[in-house]
């Protein structure tokens, strides 16, 4: 039987929410928006409307000449936040839907295009997902044909991964984030690249002020400039330094500057291009309360991208309230990011690597194994509870003593 698509009750809008501490990049946003929507950036075309009340009536729309916009730059420079802001700004021009997918897993592993297509087809209301990769591509493109969709694809690693996800219809636009520029698409799509670099001094001190307080920046602007330079004007480092200051209202800008300078000297031999971010992480990690520091390290054992208080409590062998307090503290220090829904959290890609290093260095193998067992036990209990709710399955109660001998 040929796969079918259900009529969706409302427009699909999967765009993540934008962050509240986005600074700078106004010129880049305006330039990119003009590239895509300004004079000479689009061509007119006649399309049949999607409104069934006016069959046979065509409409004139402006289609982007560049079908792919690539936001590139180093890890942690703010590609995703920039792309999300840009996508929200473009959203009104794509009334048929906005789709989102991430193309790498929580540990940097590639997600096969077929799996990404499966999730996108589900979002579009497909009743039966075909098993054939080619059939998934055909069905996805068929659904978007002649419609105005915006696709935001995060962490694209190359054109081979991107090509199957490109709509054939010129009415849709694809925005991607990538570390390096994309080449080799050829006739498949014209690519417009926007390369991001570190923030300038003004935007860096503004970000510090947003987090630590603008009065503190105004009281010692020279120290704020020096702190921004010690952070290499890197957004991830600036956020951690600003959050560290916010948690210590009696400290001055110069105080964290002195500590960060000493931390950079200590780590100079073992760090590379990420020295500023690594130094900020190390400074914060050392001053965390022991329970929060231990939980942070154990969270590196979570196999998925996101986690909540239940998983954290299982890992740390504590109650959900204590886990929630530690998660909140870690989020306020920008060691964790908010997840897709309230109460869920995730690591920034840079921070996850540092946390994994501290886990390997500070937690004994036996403790790592025990924490993993507790987490798997929790997942089994949740799965059994879900099974009983969905299908009324017979078997042990959700609280039955189902235990793993090892993990």
Protein backbone atom coordinates (compact mmCIF):
# COMPACT_ATOMS: atom_id res chain seq x y z
CA UNK A 1 0.00 0.00 0.00
CA UNK A 2 1.34 3.40 -0.93
CA UNK A 3 2.10 5.64 2.06
CA UNK A 4 -0.39 8.42 2.59
CA UNK A 5 -0.29 11.78 4.29
CA UNK A 6 -3.00 12.95 6.64
CA UNK A 7 -4.28 16.50 6.59
CA UNK A 8 -2.70 18.22 9.57
CA UNK A 9 -5.04 20.12 11.90
CA UNK A 10 -2.65 23.08 12.06
CA UNK A 11 0.53 24.41 10.52
CA UNK A 12 3.61 22.44 11.53
CA UNK A 13 6.02 24.77 13.33
CA UNK A 14 9.01 23.00 14.88
CA UNK A 15 11.32 26.00 15.18
CA UNK A 16 13.06 26.08 18.57
CA UNK A 17 12.49 29.19 20.68
CA UNK A 18 15.14 31.88 20.51
CA UNK A 19 17.40 32.57 23.49
CA UNK A 20 16.99 35.64 25.66
CA UNK A 21 20.67 36.65 25.79
CA UNK A 22 21.28 36.95 22.06
CA UNK A 23 23.50 39.97 21.38
CA UNK A 24 25.32 41.44 18.41
CA UNK A 25 25.00 39.94 14.94
CA UNK A 26 22.45 42.59 13.91
CA UNK A 27 24.45 43.50 10.81
CA UNK A 28 24.88 39.86 9.83
CA UNK A 29 21.16 39.20 10.32
CA UNK A 30 20.15 42.22 8.24
CA UNK A 31 22.62 41.37 5.48
CA UNK A 32 21.50 37.76 5.30
CA UNK A 33 17.83 38.73 5.34
CA UNK A 34 18.44 41.14 2.46
CA UNK A 35 20.31 38.44 0.55
CA UNK A 36 17.30 36.17 0.80
CA UNK A 37 14.41 38.62 0.50
CA UNK A 38 15.73 41.89 -0.93
CA UNK A 39 15.72 43.19 -4.51
CA UNK A 40 17.36 40.75 -6.88
CA UNK A 41 17.33 38.00 -4.27
CA UNK A 42 14.10 36.43 -5.46
CA UNK A 43 12.27 35.67 -8.68
CA UNK A 44 8.51 35.78 -9.34
CA UNK A 45 6.56 32.59 -10.04
CA UNK A 46 2.95 31.52 -10.49
CA UNK A 47 1.71 28.95 -7.98
CA UNK A 48 -1.62 27.30 -7.33
CA UNK A 49 -2.85 28.25 -3.86
CA UNK A 50 -3.15 25.72 -1.07
CA UNK A 51 -6.53 27.19 -0.09
CA UNK A 52 -9.18 24.67 -1.31
CA UNK A 53 -11.85 27.41 -1.32
CA UNK A 54 -10.24 29.01 -4.37
CA UNK A 55 -9.40 26.16 -6.74
CA UNK A 56 -7.80 27.02 -10.03
CA UNK A 57 -6.74 30.51 -8.94
CA UNK A 58 -3.04 31.12 -9.22
CA UNK A 59 -1.00 33.51 -7.13
CA UNK A 60 2.29 35.27 -7.73
CA UNK A 61 4.97 34.64 -5.12
CA UNK A 62 8.64 35.47 -4.85
CA UNK A 63 10.93 32.47 -4.69
CA UNK A 64 14.45 32.70 -3.24
CA UNK A 65 17.26 32.33 -5.76
CA UNK A 66 19.41 30.68 -3.08
CA UNK A 67 17.60 27.57 -1.92
CA UNK A 68 20.10 26.81 0.87
CA UNK A 69 21.44 29.28 3.44
CA UNK A 70 24.44 27.92 5.37
CA UNK A 71 25.42 29.45 8.73
CA UNK A 72 29.01 28.42 9.39
CA UNK A 73 31.58 29.03 12.10
CA UNK A 74 33.53 27.39 14.95
CA UNK A 75 31.80 25.30 17.61
CA UNK A 76 30.29 27.54 20.29
CA UNK A 77 30.30 30.71 18.19
CA UNK A 78 26.49 30.84 18.21
CA UNK A 79 25.54 29.31 14.86
CA UNK A 80 22.37 27.68 16.15
CA UNK A 81 21.07 30.75 17.98
CA UNK A 82 21.76 32.91 14.93
CA UNK A 83 20.03 30.42 12.62
CA UNK A 84 17.01 30.20 14.94
CA UNK A 85 16.71 34.00 15.02
CA UNK A 86 17.00 34.16 11.26
CA UNK A 87 14.42 31.40 10.79
CA UNK A 88 11.90 33.12 13.07
CA UNK A 89 12.39 36.34 11.11
CA UNK A 90 11.71 34.49 7.86
CA UNK A 91 8.81 32.42 9.24
CA UNK A 92 5.93 34.65 8.00
CA UNK A 93 7.12 34.15 4.43
CA UNK A 94 6.72 30.38 4.73
CA UNK A 95 3.09 29.91 5.79
CA UNK A 96 2.85 26.20 4.96
CA UNK A 97 5.18 25.10 7.75
CA UNK A 98 8.55 25.27 9.48
CA UNK A 99 10.48 22.05 10.08
CA UNK A 100 13.50 21.41 12.29
CA UNK A 101 15.95 18.53 12.62
CA UNK A 102 19.40 17.97 14.06
CA UNK A 103 21.76 15.83 12.01
CA UNK A 104 24.19 14.73 14.72
CA UNK A 105 23.60 12.79 17.91
CA UNK A 106 24.50 13.81 21.48
CA UNK A 107 28.09 12.59 21.13
CA UNK A 108 28.68 13.97 17.66
CA UNK A 109 27.70 10.81 15.79
CA UNK A 110 26.04 11.28 12.41
CA UNK A 111 22.30 10.66 12.18
CA UNK A 112 21.55 8.85 8.89
CA UNK A 113 19.45 10.92 6.46
CA UNK A 114 16.87 8.13 6.40
CA UNK A 115 16.27 8.54 10.15
CA UNK A 116 15.98 12.31 9.75
CA UNK A 117 13.48 11.83 6.93
CA UNK A 118 11.47 9.49 9.14
CA UNK A 119 11.13 12.12 11.86
CA UNK A 120 10.24 14.83 9.34
CA UNK A 121 7.61 12.62 7.70
CA UNK A 122 6.04 11.93 11.09
CA UNK A 123 5.91 15.67 11.74
CA UNK A 124 4.19 16.15 8.39
CA UNK A 125 1.49 13.65 9.31
CA UNK A 126 2.57 10.61 7.30
CA UNK A 127 0.50 7.60 8.31
CA UNK A 128 2.90 4.86 7.20
CA UNK A 129 6.63 5.52 6.89
CA UNK A 130 8.15 3.53 4.01
CA UNK A 131 11.21 1.42 4.78
CA UNK A 132 12.94 2.28 1.51
CA UNK A 133 15.32 5.23 1.70
CA UNK A 134 14.46 6.29 -1.85
CA UNK A 135 10.74 6.09 -1.11
CA UNK A 136 11.17 8.29 1.95
CA UNK A 137 12.94 10.90 -0.16
CA UNK A 138 10.21 10.76 -2.79
CA UNK A 139 7.41 11.04 -0.24
CA UNK A 140 9.08 13.92 1.60
CA UNK A 141 9.59 15.89 -1.59
CA UNK A 142 6.07 15.11 -2.73
CA UNK A 143 4.63 16.55 0.46
CA UNK A 144 6.59 19.81 0.07
CA UNK A 145 6.04 20.13 -3.67
CA UNK A 146 4.58 23.52 -4.56
CA UNK A 147 4.35 24.60 -0.92
CA UNK A 148 6.31 27.19 1.01
CA UNK A 149 8.20 25.38 3.76
CA UNK A 150 11.19 26.52 5.79
CA UNK A 151 13.59 23.78 6.92
CA UNK A 152 16.13 24.41 9.69
CA UNK A 153 18.76 21.66 9.77
CA UNK A 154 21.35 21.82 12.55
CA UNK A 155 24.89 20.42 12.51
CA UNK A 156 25.11 19.38 8.87
CA UNK A 157 28.45 17.66 8.30
CA UNK A 158 28.54 17.57 4.51
CA UNK A 159 26.62 17.59 1.27
CA UNK A 160 26.14 13.81 1.23
CA UNK A 161 24.13 14.10 4.44
CA UNK A 162 22.20 17.14 3.22
CA UNK A 163 21.35 16.19 -0.35
CA UNK A 164 18.54 13.67 0.45
CA UNK A 165 16.83 16.28 2.65
CA UNK A 166 16.58 19.00 0.01
CA UNK A 167 13.11 19.66 -1.42
CA UNK A 168 12.94 19.63 -5.21
CA UNK A 169 10.41 22.43 -5.25
CA UNK A 170 11.97 25.92 -5.46
CA UNK A 171 9.24 27.27 -3.19
CA UNK A 172 10.96 26.10 0.01
CA UNK A 173 14.10 27.36 1.73
CA UNK A 174 16.62 25.32 3.73
CA UNK A 175 18.69 26.95 6.49
CA UNK A 176 21.56 24.84 7.80
CA UNK A 177 24.28 25.22 10.40
CA UNK A 178 27.71 23.72 9.79
CA UNK A 179 31.26 24.10 11.04
CA UNK A 180 32.73 24.37 7.54
CA UNK A 181 31.24 25.74 4.29
CA UNK A 182 29.18 23.33 2.19
CA UNK A 183 30.43 22.57 -1.30
CA UNK A 184 29.53 20.08 -3.97
CA UNK A 185 25.76 20.46 -4.16
CA UNK A 186 26.08 21.53 -7.79
CA UNK A 187 22.73 21.81 -9.51
CA UNK A 188 20.88 20.44 -6.48
CA UNK A 189 20.73 23.88 -4.87
CA UNK A 190 22.42 27.26 -4.81
CA UNK A 191 24.03 27.90 -1.43
CA UNK A 192 24.37 31.28 0.28
CA UNK A 193 26.95 31.13 3.09
CA UNK A 194 27.12 33.37 6.16
CA UNK A 195 30.33 32.78 8.15
CA UNK A 196 30.20 33.81 11.81
CA UNK A 197 33.23 34.79 13.86
CA UNK A 198 33.67 35.71 17.51
CA UNK A 199 31.80 38.70 18.95
CA UNK A 200 33.31 42.17 18.88
CA UNK A 201 34.25 44.01 22.09
CA UNK A 202 30.99 45.94 22.34
CA UNK A 203 28.78 42.88 21.91
CA UNK A 204 30.98 40.90 24.31
CA UNK A 205 30.65 43.44 27.13
CA UNK A 206 26.92 43.73 26.41
CA UNK A 207 26.58 39.98 26.87
CA UNK A 208 28.55 40.16 30.12
CA UNK A 209 26.28 42.97 31.28
CA UNK A 210 23.12 41.05 30.40
CA UNK A 211 24.25 38.23 32.68
CA UNK A 212 26.26 39.90 35.44
CA UNK A 213 24.56 43.30 35.50
CA UNK A 214 25.21 46.39 33.39
CA UNK A 215 26.07 48.43 36.48
CA UNK A 216 29.09 46.23 37.16
CA UNK A 217 30.25 46.70 33.58
CA UNK A 218 29.73 50.46 33.76
CA UNK A 219 31.64 50.71 37.06
CA UNK A 220 34.77 49.18 35.54
CA UNK A 221 34.58 49.19 31.73
CA UNK A 222 38.30 48.52 31.39
CA UNK A 223 38.03 45.34 33.49
CA UNK A 224 35.01 44.30 31.42
CA UNK A 225 36.99 44.74 28.20
CA UNK A 226 39.88 42.73 29.66
CA UNK A 227 37.53 39.96 30.77
CA UNK A 228 36.00 39.83 27.29
CA UNK A 229 39.51 39.49 25.83
CA UNK A 230 40.38 36.72 28.33
CA UNK A 231 37.26 34.94 27.04
CA UNK A 232 38.62 35.38 23.49
CA UNK A 233 35.29 37.11 22.74
CA UNK A 234 33.84 33.59 22.55
CA UNK A 235 30.07 33.57 23.28
CA UNK A 236 30.18 30.30 25.24
CA UNK A 237 33.05 31.50 27.45
CA UNK A 238 31.43 34.91 27.96
CA UNK A 239 28.17 33.30 29.08
CA UNK A 240 29.93 31.12 31.64
CA UNK A 241 32.02 34.02 32.96
CA UNK A 242 28.96 36.26 33.17
CA UNK A 243 26.93 33.57 34.94
CA UNK A 244 29.79 32.99 37.41
CA UNK A 245 29.77 36.71 38.23
CA UNK A 246 25.98 36.80 38.56
CA UNK A 247 26.17 34.08 41.21
CA UNK A 248 28.72 36.21 43.14
CA UNK A 249 27.25 39.71 43.47
CA UNK A 250 30.08 40.90 45.75
CA UNK A 251 32.78 40.15 43.19
CA UNK A 252 34.04 42.75 40.74
CA UNK A 253 34.82 42.22 37.08
CA UNK A 254 38.51 42.33 37.90
CA UNK A 255 38.13 39.42 40.35
CA UNK A 256 36.94 36.94 37.76
CA UNK A 257 39.50 38.37 35.34
CA UNK A 258 42.35 37.52 37.72
CA UNK A 259 41.01 34.02 38.34
CA UNK A 260 40.45 33.37 34.66
CA UNK A 261 43.93 34.60 33.77
CA UNK A 262 45.44 32.18 36.29
CA UNK A 263 43.28 29.35 34.96
CA UNK A 264 44.41 30.05 31.40
CA UNK A 265 48.05 29.88 32.49
CA UNK A 266 47.42 26.58 34.28
CA UNK A 267 45.73 25.02 31.24
CA UNK A 268 47.94 26.58 28.58
CA UNK A 269 49.91 23.43 27.83
CA UNK A 270 46.90 21.11 27.47
CA UNK A 271 44.39 23.37 25.70
CA UNK A 272 44.16 24.36 22.07
CA UNK A 273 41.85 26.79 20.32
CA UNK A 274 39.24 26.27 23.04
CA UNK A 275 41.46 27.61 25.86
CA UNK A 276 39.03 30.36 26.90
CA UNK A 277 35.99 28.08 27.11
CA UNK A 278 37.97 25.33 28.83
CA UNK A 279 39.35 27.79 31.40
CA UNK A 280 35.86 29.14 32.21
CA UNK A 281 34.48 25.63 32.57
CA UNK A 282 37.36 24.56 34.81
CA UNK A 283 36.95 27.63 37.02
CA UNK A 284 33.22 27.02 37.51
CA UNK A 285 33.52 23.24 37.92
CA UNK A 286 36.06 23.57 40.73
CA UNK A 287 33.80 25.92 42.70
CA UNK A 288 30.56 23.97 42.36
CA UNK A 289 29.14 22.41 45.50
CA UNK A 290 30.18 18.72 45.54
CA UNK A 291 26.69 17.35 44.87
CA UNK A 292 26.18 19.55 41.79
CA UNK A 293 29.68 18.83 40.47
CA UNK A 294 29.16 15.08 40.86
CA UNK A 295 25.78 15.21 39.11
CA UNK A 296 27.27 17.25 36.26
CA UNK A 297 29.92 14.59 35.68
CA UNK A 298 27.45 11.70 35.88
CA UNK A 299 25.12 13.36 33.38
CA UNK A 300 27.72 12.56 30.72
CA UNK A 301 26.50 8.95 31.04
CA UNK A 302 23.06 9.80 29.62
CA UNK A 303 22.87 8.12 26.19
CA UNK A 304 20.42 10.60 24.68
CA UNK A 305 20.60 14.31 24.01
CA UNK A 306 18.20 15.51 26.71
CA UNK A 307 17.43 14.54 30.29
CA UNK A 308 15.23 15.58 33.18
CA UNK A 309 15.12 15.35 36.95
CA UNK A 310 14.16 11.65 36.95
CA UNK A 311 17.29 10.62 35.05
CA UNK A 312 19.45 12.98 37.12
CA UNK A 313 18.05 11.59 40.38
CA UNK A 314 18.76 8.03 39.25
CA UNK A 315 22.33 8.85 38.28
CA UNK A 316 23.12 10.69 41.50
CA UNK A 317 21.07 8.31 43.67
CA UNK A 318 19.17 11.21 45.22
CA UNK A 319 15.62 12.50 45.36
CA UNK A 320 14.00 14.38 42.44
CA UNK A 321 13.86 17.64 44.42
CA UNK A 322 17.61 17.58 45.09
CA UNK A 323 18.26 16.69 41.45
CA UNK A 324 16.06 19.57 40.28
CA UNK A 325 17.94 22.04 42.49
CA UNK A 326 21.29 20.90 41.09
CA UNK A 327 20.03 20.99 37.51
CA UNK A 328 18.73 24.52 38.03
CA UNK A 329 22.08 25.63 39.44
CA UNK A 330 23.95 24.09 36.50
CA UNK A 331 21.58 25.76 34.04
CA UNK A 332 22.02 29.16 35.70
CA UNK A 333 25.79 28.78 35.30
CA UNK A 334 25.33 27.95 31.59
CA UNK A 335 26.81 24.49 32.06
CA UNK A 336 23.49 23.13 30.81
CA UNK A 337 21.08 24.45 28.20
CA UNK A 338 17.28 24.26 28.27
CA UNK A 339 15.84 21.28 26.44
CA UNK A 340 12.97 21.06 23.99
CA UNK A 341 10.31 21.29 26.72
CA UNK A 342 10.29 22.81 30.23
CA UNK A 343 12.01 20.60 32.77
CA UNK A 344 14.37 19.07 30.22
CA UNK A 345 18.05 19.95 29.84
CA UNK A 346 20.96 19.21 27.54
CA UNK A 347 24.67 19.88 27.19
CA UNK A 348 26.25 22.36 24.86
CA UNK A 349 28.49 20.36 22.52
CA UNK A 350 31.65 21.98 23.89
CA UNK A 351 30.68 21.48 27.53
CA UNK A 352 29.80 17.81 27.03
CA UNK A 353 33.37 17.06 25.99
CA UNK A 354 34.81 18.75 29.08
CA UNK A 355 32.32 17.00 31.36
CA UNK A 356 33.27 13.63 29.86
CA UNK A 357 36.92 14.37 30.64
CA UNK A 358 36.10 15.18 34.28
CA UNK A 359 33.93 12.06 34.55
CA UNK A 360 36.78 9.84 33.37
CA UNK A 361 39.27 11.59 35.65
CA UNK A 362 37.26 11.92 38.88
CA UNK A 363 34.67 9.13 39.02
CA UNK A 364 35.89 5.60 39.66
CA UNK A 365 34.87 2.88 37.16
CA UNK A 366 32.72 1.18 39.78
CA UNK A 367 30.76 4.36 40.48
CA UNK A 368 30.27 5.01 36.78
CA UNK A 369 28.98 1.46 36.35
CA UNK A 370 26.60 1.75 39.33
CA UNK A 371 25.24 5.08 38.08
CA UNK A 372 24.64 3.61 34.63
CA UNK A 373 22.80 0.65 36.19
CA UNK A 374 20.56 2.98 38.20
CA UNK A 375 19.76 4.96 35.05
CA UNK A 376 18.91 1.83 33.06
CA UNK A 377 16.71 0.60 35.90
CA UNK A 378 14.83 3.88 35.78
CA UNK A 379 14.37 3.65 32.02
CA UNK A 380 12.99 0.11 32.36
CA UNK A 381 10.47 1.23 34.95
CA UNK A 382 9.35 4.10 32.73
CA UNK A 383 9.05 1.76 29.74
CA UNK A 384 6.96 -0.72 31.73
CA UNK A 385 4.69 2.06 32.94
CA UNK A 386 4.23 3.32 29.38
CA UNK A 387 3.55 -0.21 28.14
CA UNK A 388 0.80 -0.74 30.69
CA UNK A 389 -0.83 2.59 29.82
CA UNK A 390 -0.66 2.12 26.05
CA UNK A 391 -1.48 -1.55 25.56
CA UNK A 392 -2.52 -2.73 29.00
CA UNK A 393 0.25 -5.31 28.98
CA UNK A 394 0.43 -7.97 31.63
CA UNK A 395 3.58 -8.26 33.64
CA UNK A 396 5.22 -6.86 36.73
CA UNK A 397 4.00 -3.60 38.16
CA UNK A 398 6.05 -0.51 37.24
CA UNK A 399 7.64 -0.50 40.70
CA UNK A 400 8.59 -4.18 40.53
CA UNK A 401 12.21 -4.93 41.35
CA UNK A 402 13.63 -5.16 37.83
CA UNK A 403 17.38 -4.77 38.21
CA UNK A 404 20.43 -4.89 35.95
CA UNK A 405 23.38 -6.93 37.13
CA UNK A 406 25.81 -4.79 35.15
CA UNK A 407 25.93 -2.09 32.52
